[in-house]
Amino acid sequence: MTKSFFILLIIFLYITNAYEGALVGKQEAYIEVHVVDALPNNDIPLTFHCASKDDDLGYHHPKVGDDFHFHFYPKLFGHTLFFCHFWWGKKDAAFDVYTYELGINCSWGQSAIEYCYWKVQEDGFYMGPSLYEVKKMHDWN
């Protein structure tokens, strides 16, 4: 029983290590999330706060055209989650900006870096693999 357990443990660790190495390319591949202020003007300032369970990325006050971005190495088995809360005048919205499931909207597979763009506009929030290939994901509240 003990010998079988250790053999299974060694196989599991080997597979986990191989999977993680393939997924993140031995720390060469990573995910980069961009949040771009595409509002009509700076008369009403945009503010947002982003975080994950482990990392607080702080509050940001971009100007129109600014691109706030961050990158991270994905966790094994796709459990990475980042969320943001946005405020624009009397409007606000809070949602996940990256989960494994949202990754389908990013540029995964085209290079070692997966790019995920969020474009903040007057009518809502758009996501895609670049600023020019986005689809609407959320409205303002």
C-alpha atoms as a PDB file:
ATOM      1  CA  MET A   1       0.000   0.000   0.000  1.00  0.00           C
ATOM      2  CA  THR A   2       2.726   2.487   0.997  1.00  0.00           C
ATOM      3  CA  LYS A   3       4.857   1.637  -2.040  1.00  0.00           C
ATOM      4  CA  SER A   4       1.883   2.161  -4.386  1.00  0.00           C
ATOM      5  CA  PHE A   5       1.104   5.481  -2.752  1.00  0.00           C
ATOM      6  CA  PHE A   6       4.653   6.770  -3.253  1.00  0.00           C
ATOM      7  CA  ILE A   7       4.718   5.620  -6.871  1.00  0.00           C
ATOM      8  CA  LEU A   8       1.433   7.440  -7.522  1.00  0.00           C
ATOM      9  CA  LEU A   9       2.748  10.511  -5.729  1.00  0.00           C
ATOM     10  CA  ILE A  10       5.911  10.556  -7.856  1.00  0.00           C
ATOM     11  CA  ILE A  11       3.866  10.156 -11.056  1.00  0.00           C
ATOM     12  CA  PHE A  12       1.518  12.955  -9.976  1.00  0.00           C
ATOM     13  CA  LEU A  13       4.417  15.296  -9.189  1.00  0.00           C
ATOM     14  CA  TYR A  14       6.080  14.497 -12.502  1.00  0.00           C
ATOM     15  CA  ILE A  15       2.890  15.185 -14.470  1.00  0.00           C
ATOM     16  CA  THR A  16       2.194  18.370 -12.505  1.00  0.00           C
ATOM     17  CA  ASN A  17       5.723  19.651 -13.131  1.00  0.00           C
ATOM     18  CA  ALA A  18       5.526  18.807 -16.836  1.00  0.00           C
ATOM     19  CA  TYR A  19       2.118  20.492 -17.151  1.00  0.00           C
ATOM     20  CA  GLU A  20       3.262  23.626 -15.350  1.00  0.00           C
ATOM     21  CA  GLY A  21       6.403  23.832 -17.484  1.00  0.00           C
ATOM     22  CA  ALA A  22       4.363  23.514 -20.669  1.00  0.00           C
ATOM     23  CA  LEU A  23       1.762  26.005 -19.473  1.00  0.00           C
ATOM     24  CA  VAL A  24       4.110  28.755 -18.445  1.00  0.00           C
ATOM     25  CA  GLY A  25       7.121  27.858 -20.583  1.00  0.00           C
ATOM     26  CA  LYS A  26       9.413  27.652 -17.574  1.00  0.00           C
ATOM     27  CA  GLN A  27       8.515  31.220 -16.537  1.00  0.00           C
ATOM     28  CA  GLU A  28       8.957  32.664 -20.053  1.00  0.00           C
ATOM     29  CA  ALA A  29       5.250  32.764 -20.888  1.00  0.00           C
ATOM     30  CA  TYR A  30       2.931  35.050 -18.988  1.00  0.00           C
ATOM     31  CA  ILE A  31      -0.411  36.822 -19.225  1.00  0.00           C
ATOM     32  CA  GLU A  32      -0.557  40.592 -19.690  1.00  0.00           C
ATOM     33  CA  VAL A  33      -3.810  42.435 -18.930  1.00  0.00           C
ATOM     34  CA  HIS A  34      -4.326  45.983 -20.231  1.00  0.00           C
ATOM     35  CA  VAL A  35      -6.979  48.480 -19.119  1.00  0.00           C
ATOM     36  CA  VAL A  36      -7.237  51.395 -21.549  1.00  0.00           C
ATOM     37  CA  ASP A  37      -9.190  54.598 -20.881  1.00  0.00           C
ATOM     38  CA  ALA A  38     -11.138  55.215 -24.106  1.00  0.00           C
ATOM     39  CA  LEU A  39     -13.660  57.625 -22.609  1.00  0.00           C
ATOM     40  CA  PRO A  40     -14.602  60.730 -24.617  1.00  0.00           C
ATOM     41  CA  ASN A  41     -12.669  63.275 -22.517  1.00  0.00           C
ATOM     42  CA  ASN A  42     -11.097  63.929 -19.116  1.00  0.00           C
ATOM     43  CA  ASP A  43     -13.968  66.119 -17.819  1.00  0.00           C
ATOM     44  CA  ILE A  44     -15.211  63.268 -15.628  1.00  0.00           C
ATOM     45  CA  PRO A  45     -12.201  61.322 -14.343  1.00  0.00           C
ATOM     46  CA  LEU A  46     -12.064  57.530 -14.420  1.00  0.00           C
ATOM     47  CA  THR A  47     -10.908  55.738 -11.278  1.00  0.00           C
ATOM     48  CA  PHE A  48     -10.409  52.028 -10.836  1.00  0.00           C
ATOM     49  CA  HIS A  49      -8.986  49.584  -8.349  1.00  0.00           C
ATOM     50  CA  CYS A  50      -7.705  46.125  -9.344  1.00  0.00           C
ATOM     51  CA  ALA A  51      -6.646  43.180  -7.221  1.00  0.00           C
ATOM     52  CA  SER A  52      -6.426  39.427  -6.917  1.00  0.00           C
ATOM     53  CA  LYS A  53      -6.517  37.243  -3.835  1.00  0.00           C
ATOM     54  CA  ASP A  54      -2.758  37.699  -3.474  1.00  0.00           C
ATOM     55  CA  ASP A  55      -1.987  41.072  -5.099  1.00  0.00           C
ATOM     56  CA  ASP A  56      -3.491  44.533  -4.623  1.00  0.00           C
ATOM     57  CA  LEU A  57      -2.671  46.561  -7.734  1.00  0.00           C
ATOM     58  CA  GLY A  58      -3.921  49.791  -6.187  1.00  0.00           C
ATOM     59  CA  TYR A  59      -6.139  52.661  -7.307  1.00  0.00           C
ATOM     60  CA  HIS A  60      -5.546  54.265 -10.689  1.00  0.00           C
ATOM     61  CA  HIS A  61      -6.670  57.589 -12.165  1.00  0.00           C
ATOM     62  CA  PRO A  62      -5.831  57.412 -15.887  1.00  0.00           C
ATOM     63  CA  LYS A  63      -6.288  60.098 -18.497  1.00  0.00           C
ATOM     64  CA  VAL A  64      -7.937  59.369 -21.839  1.00  0.00           C
ATOM     65  CA  GLY A  65      -5.625  57.123 -23.847  1.00  0.00           C
ATOM     66  CA  ASP A  66      -3.665  55.846 -20.835  1.00  0.00           C
ATOM     67  CA  ASP A  67      -2.917  52.124 -20.734  1.00  0.00           C
ATOM     68  CA  PHE A  68      -2.572  50.573 -17.290  1.00  0.00           C
ATOM     69  CA  HIS A  69      -1.223  47.051 -17.554  1.00  0.00           C
ATOM     70  CA  PHE A  70       0.092  44.267 -15.385  1.00  0.00           C
ATOM     71  CA  HIS A  71       1.339  40.763 -15.991  1.00  0.00           C
ATOM     72  CA  PHE A  72       1.439  37.520 -14.066  1.00  0.00           C
ATOM     73  CA  TYR A  73       2.359  33.889 -14.463  1.00  0.00           C
ATOM     74  CA  PRO A  74      -0.724  31.674 -14.527  1.00  0.00           C
ATOM     75  CA  LYS A  75      -1.339  29.356 -11.633  1.00  0.00           C
ATOM     76  CA  LEU A  76      -1.498  25.645 -12.195  1.00  0.00           C
ATOM     77  CA  PHE A  77      -4.961  24.367 -13.192  1.00  0.00           C
ATOM     78  CA  GLY A  78      -6.202  27.845 -14.174  1.00  0.00           C
ATOM     79  CA  HIS A  79      -7.192  29.305 -10.803  1.00  0.00           C
ATOM     80  CA  THR A  80      -5.818  32.826 -11.397  1.00  0.00           C
ATOM     81  CA  LEU A  81      -8.408  35.582 -10.948  1.00  0.00           C
ATOM     82  CA  PHE A  82      -8.032  39.368 -11.115  1.00  0.00           C
ATOM     83  CA  PHE A  83     -10.942  41.761 -10.656  1.00  0.00           C
ATOM     84  CA  CYS A  84     -11.431  45.520 -10.914  1.00  0.00           C
ATOM     85  CA  HIS A  85     -13.926  48.072  -9.641  1.00  0.00           C
ATOM     86  CA  PHE A  86     -14.436  51.112 -11.881  1.00  0.00           C
ATOM     87  CA  TRP A  87     -15.938  54.526 -11.082  1.00  0.00           C
ATOM     88  CA  TRP A  88     -16.798  57.212 -13.632  1.00  0.00           C
ATOM     89  CA  GLY A  89     -18.888  60.067 -12.253  1.00  0.00           C
ATOM     90  CA  LYS A  90     -22.053  58.515 -10.796  1.00  0.00           C
ATOM     91  CA  LYS A  91     -21.513  55.255 -12.682  1.00  0.00           C
ATOM     92  CA  ASP A  92     -19.614  52.228 -11.465  1.00  0.00           C
ATOM     93  CA  ALA A  93     -19.005  48.597 -12.346  1.00  0.00           C
ATOM     94  CA  ALA A  94     -17.101  45.718 -10.779  1.00  0.00           C
ATOM     95  CA  PHE A  95     -16.172  42.457 -12.497  1.00  0.00           C
ATOM     96  CA  ASP A  96     -13.401  39.944 -13.153  1.00  0.00           C
ATOM     97  CA  VAL A  97     -10.857  41.183 -15.686  1.00  0.00           C
ATOM     98  CA  TYR A  98      -9.050  37.863 -15.887  1.00  0.00           C
ATOM     99  CA  THR A  99     -10.064  34.285 -15.209  1.00  0.00           C
ATOM    100  CA  TYR A 100      -9.137  31.147 -17.099  1.00  0.00           C
ATOM    101  CA  GLU A 101     -12.591  31.237 -18.700  1.00  0.00           C
ATOM    102  CA  LEU A 102     -12.115  34.853 -19.877  1.00  0.00           C
ATOM    103  CA  GLY A 103      -8.815  33.837 -21.485  1.00  0.00           C
ATOM    104  CA  ILE A 104     -10.719  32.696 -24.586  1.00  0.00           C
ATOM    105  CA  ASN A 105     -11.117  36.422 -25.404  1.00  0.00           C
ATOM    106  CA  CYS A 106      -7.364  36.988 -25.287  1.00  0.00           C
ATOM    107  CA  SER A 107      -4.526  36.256 -27.711  1.00  0.00           C
ATOM    108  CA  TRP A 108      -3.517  32.874 -26.241  1.00  0.00           C
ATOM    109  CA  GLY A 109      -1.437  30.697 -28.553  1.00  0.00           C
ATOM    110  CA  GLN A 110      -0.181  33.470 -30.831  1.00  0.00           C
ATOM    111  CA  SER A 111       3.005  34.014 -28.795  1.00  0.00           C
ATOM    112  CA  ALA A 112       4.517  33.189 -25.420  1.00  0.00           C
ATOM    113  CA  ILE A 113       2.564  36.145 -24.008  1.00  0.00           C
ATOM    114  CA  GLU A 114      -1.214  36.120 -23.746  1.00  0.00           C
ATOM    115  CA  TYR A 115      -2.547  39.674 -24.226  1.00  0.00           C
ATOM    116  CA  CYS A 116      -5.925  40.632 -22.764  1.00  0.00           C
ATOM    117  CA  TYR A 117      -7.221  44.136 -23.468  1.00  0.00           C
ATOM    118  CA  TRP A 118     -10.033  45.917 -21.678  1.00  0.00           C
ATOM    119  CA  LYS A 119     -11.268  49.104 -23.345  1.00  0.00           C
ATOM    120  CA  VAL A 120     -13.286  51.406 -21.052  1.00  0.00           C
ATOM    121  CA  GLN A 121     -15.806  53.387 -23.079  1.00  0.00           C
ATOM    122  CA  GLU A 122     -18.773  55.634 -22.387  1.00  0.00           C
ATOM    123  CA  ASP A 123     -21.219  52.810 -23.157  1.00  0.00           C
ATOM    124  CA  GLY A 124     -19.400  50.040 -21.264  1.00  0.00           C
ATOM    125  CA  PHE A 125     -16.460  47.678 -21.169  1.00  0.00           C
ATOM    126  CA  TYR A 126     -14.995  45.818 -24.118  1.00  0.00           C
ATOM    127  CA  MET A 127     -12.503  42.941 -24.089  1.00  0.00           C
ATOM    128  CA  GLY A 128     -10.345  41.307 -26.726  1.00  0.00           C
ATOM    129  CA  PRO A 129      -6.877  40.227 -27.859  1.00  0.00           C
ATOM    130  CA  SER A 130      -6.029  43.792 -28.980  1.00  0.00           C
ATOM    131  CA  LEU A 131      -7.615  47.248 -28.820  1.00  0.00           C
ATOM    132  CA  TYR A 132      -8.926  46.746 -32.336  1.00  0.00           C
ATOM    133  CA  GLU A 133     -10.554  43.347 -31.780  1.00  0.00           C
ATOM    134  CA  VAL A 134     -12.854  43.798 -28.808  1.00  0.00           C
ATOM    135  CA  LYS A 135     -16.409  42.840 -27.955  1.00  0.00           C
ATOM    136  CA  LYS A 136     -18.705  44.326 -25.351  1.00  0.00           C
ATOM    137  CA  MET A 137     -18.657  42.406 -22.075  1.00  0.00           C
ATOM    138  CA  HIS A 138     -20.203  44.732 -19.447  1.00  0.00           C
ATOM    139  CA  ASP A 139     -22.320  47.861 -19.084  1.00  0.00           C
ATOM    140  CA  TRP A 140     -21.935  50.599 -16.510  1.00  0.00           C
ATOM    141  CA  ASN A 141     -24.250  50.371 -13.475  1.00  0.00           C
END
